[in-house]
């Protein structure tokens, strides 16, 4: 029985990148939320800029 328990403990996989990222996000809290919101606002701004520049000029 002791050998089986040792083998099971050795087969545990290391933490995945997703788990590490989630742990970091929980630990840093407001910093990651602020970075996410800044990134979101910048991307929306770029989309609006491209839409404004590329808007067709249709005479009425």
C-alpha atoms as a PDB file:
ATOM      1  CA  UNK A   1       0.000   0.000   0.000  1.00  0.00           C
ATOM      2  CA  UNK A   2       2.807   2.410   0.754  1.00  0.00           C
ATOM      3  CA  UNK A   3       4.240   2.027  -2.751  1.00  0.00           C
ATOM      4  CA  UNK A   4       0.878   2.824  -4.364  1.00  0.00           C
ATOM      5  CA  UNK A   5       0.486   6.007  -2.333  1.00  0.00           C
ATOM      6  CA  UNK A   6       3.988   7.159  -3.294  1.00  0.00           C
ATOM      7  CA  UNK A   7       3.298   6.506  -6.991  1.00  0.00           C
ATOM      8  CA  UNK A   8       0.041   8.463  -6.865  1.00  0.00           C
ATOM      9  CA  UNK A   9       1.721  11.438  -5.231  1.00  0.00           C
ATOM     10  CA  UNK A  10       4.487  11.515  -7.844  1.00  0.00           C
ATOM     11  CA  UNK A  11       2.025  11.561 -10.772  1.00  0.00           C
ATOM     12  CA  UNK A  12       0.424  14.874  -9.760  1.00  0.00           C
ATOM     13  CA  UNK A  13       0.877  17.327 -12.629  1.00  0.00           C
ATOM     14  CA  UNK A  14       2.426  20.751 -12.027  1.00  0.00           C
ATOM     15  CA  UNK A  15       0.119  23.772 -11.956  1.00  0.00           C
ATOM     16  CA  UNK A  16      -1.094  24.821 -15.372  1.00  0.00           C
ATOM     17  CA  UNK A  17      -0.552  28.297 -16.783  1.00  0.00           C
ATOM     18  CA  UNK A  18      -4.265  29.032 -16.421  1.00  0.00           C
ATOM     19  CA  UNK A  19      -4.200  28.215 -12.717  1.00  0.00           C
ATOM     20  CA  UNK A  20      -1.116  30.376 -12.245  1.00  0.00           C
ATOM     21  CA  UNK A  21      -2.721  33.253 -14.145  1.00  0.00           C
ATOM     22  CA  UNK A  22      -5.898  33.000 -12.068  1.00  0.00           C
ATOM     23  CA  UNK A  23      -3.848  32.952  -8.860  1.00  0.00           C
ATOM     24  CA  UNK A  24      -1.933  36.049  -9.968  1.00  0.00           C
ATOM     25  CA  UNK A  25      -5.146  37.832 -10.914  1.00  0.00           C
ATOM     26  CA  UNK A  26      -6.670  37.129  -7.505  1.00  0.00           C
ATOM     27  CA  UNK A  27      -3.482  38.243  -5.769  1.00  0.00           C
ATOM     28  CA  UNK A  28      -3.096  41.486  -7.748  1.00  0.00           C
ATOM     29  CA  UNK A  29      -6.828  42.242  -7.867  1.00  0.00           C
ATOM     30  CA  UNK A  30      -7.478  45.850  -8.838  1.00  0.00           C
ATOM     31  CA  UNK A  31      -4.279  46.130 -10.890  1.00  0.00           C
ATOM     32  CA  UNK A  32      -5.405  43.471 -13.363  1.00  0.00           C
ATOM     33  CA  UNK A  33      -8.929  44.890 -13.494  1.00  0.00           C
ATOM     34  CA  UNK A  34      -7.568  48.344 -14.294  1.00  0.00           C
ATOM     35  CA  UNK A  35      -5.274  46.942 -17.010  1.00  0.00           C
ATOM     36  CA  UNK A  36      -8.193  45.027 -18.496  1.00  0.00           C
ATOM     37  CA  UNK A  37     -10.434  48.105 -18.527  1.00  0.00           C
ATOM     38  CA  UNK A  38      -7.702  50.312 -20.053  1.00  0.00           C
ATOM     39  CA  UNK A  39      -7.100  47.704 -22.774  1.00  0.00           C
ATOM     40  CA  UNK A  40     -10.844  47.462 -23.435  1.00  0.00           C
ATOM     41  CA  UNK A  41     -11.238  51.237 -23.755  1.00  0.00           C
ATOM     42  CA  UNK A  42      -8.220  51.540 -26.063  1.00  0.00           C
ATOM     43  CA  UNK A  43      -9.530  48.781 -28.346  1.00  0.00           C
ATOM     44  CA  UNK A  44     -12.982  50.391 -28.516  1.00  0.00           C
ATOM     45  CA  UNK A  45     -11.318  53.724 -29.295  1.00  0.00           C
ATOM     46  CA  UNK A  46      -9.294  52.181 -32.125  1.00  0.00           C
ATOM     47  CA  UNK A  47     -12.425  50.549 -33.556  1.00  0.00           C
ATOM     48  CA  UNK A  48     -14.301  53.860 -33.449  1.00  0.00           C
ATOM     49  CA  UNK A  49     -11.372  55.651 -35.083  1.00  0.00           C
ATOM     50  CA  UNK A  50     -11.194  53.106 -37.902  1.00  0.00           C
ATOM     51  CA  UNK A  51     -14.973  53.269 -38.365  1.00  0.00           C
ATOM     52  CA  UNK A  52     -14.882  57.084 -38.522  1.00  0.00           C
ATOM     53  CA  UNK A  53     -11.965  57.222 -40.954  1.00  0.00           C
ATOM     54  CA  UNK A  54     -13.350  54.461 -43.168  1.00  0.00           C
ATOM     55  CA  UNK A  55     -16.915  55.782 -43.251  1.00  0.00           C
ATOM     56  CA  UNK A  56     -18.074  56.104 -46.862  1.00  0.00           C
ATOM     57  CA  UNK A  57     -19.078  59.571 -48.014  1.00  0.00           C
ATOM     58  CA  UNK A  58     -22.475  59.094 -49.690  1.00  0.00           C
ATOM     59  CA  UNK A  59     -23.924  62.281 -51.203  1.00  0.00           C
ATOM     60  CA  UNK A  60     -27.649  62.771 -50.558  1.00  0.00           C
END
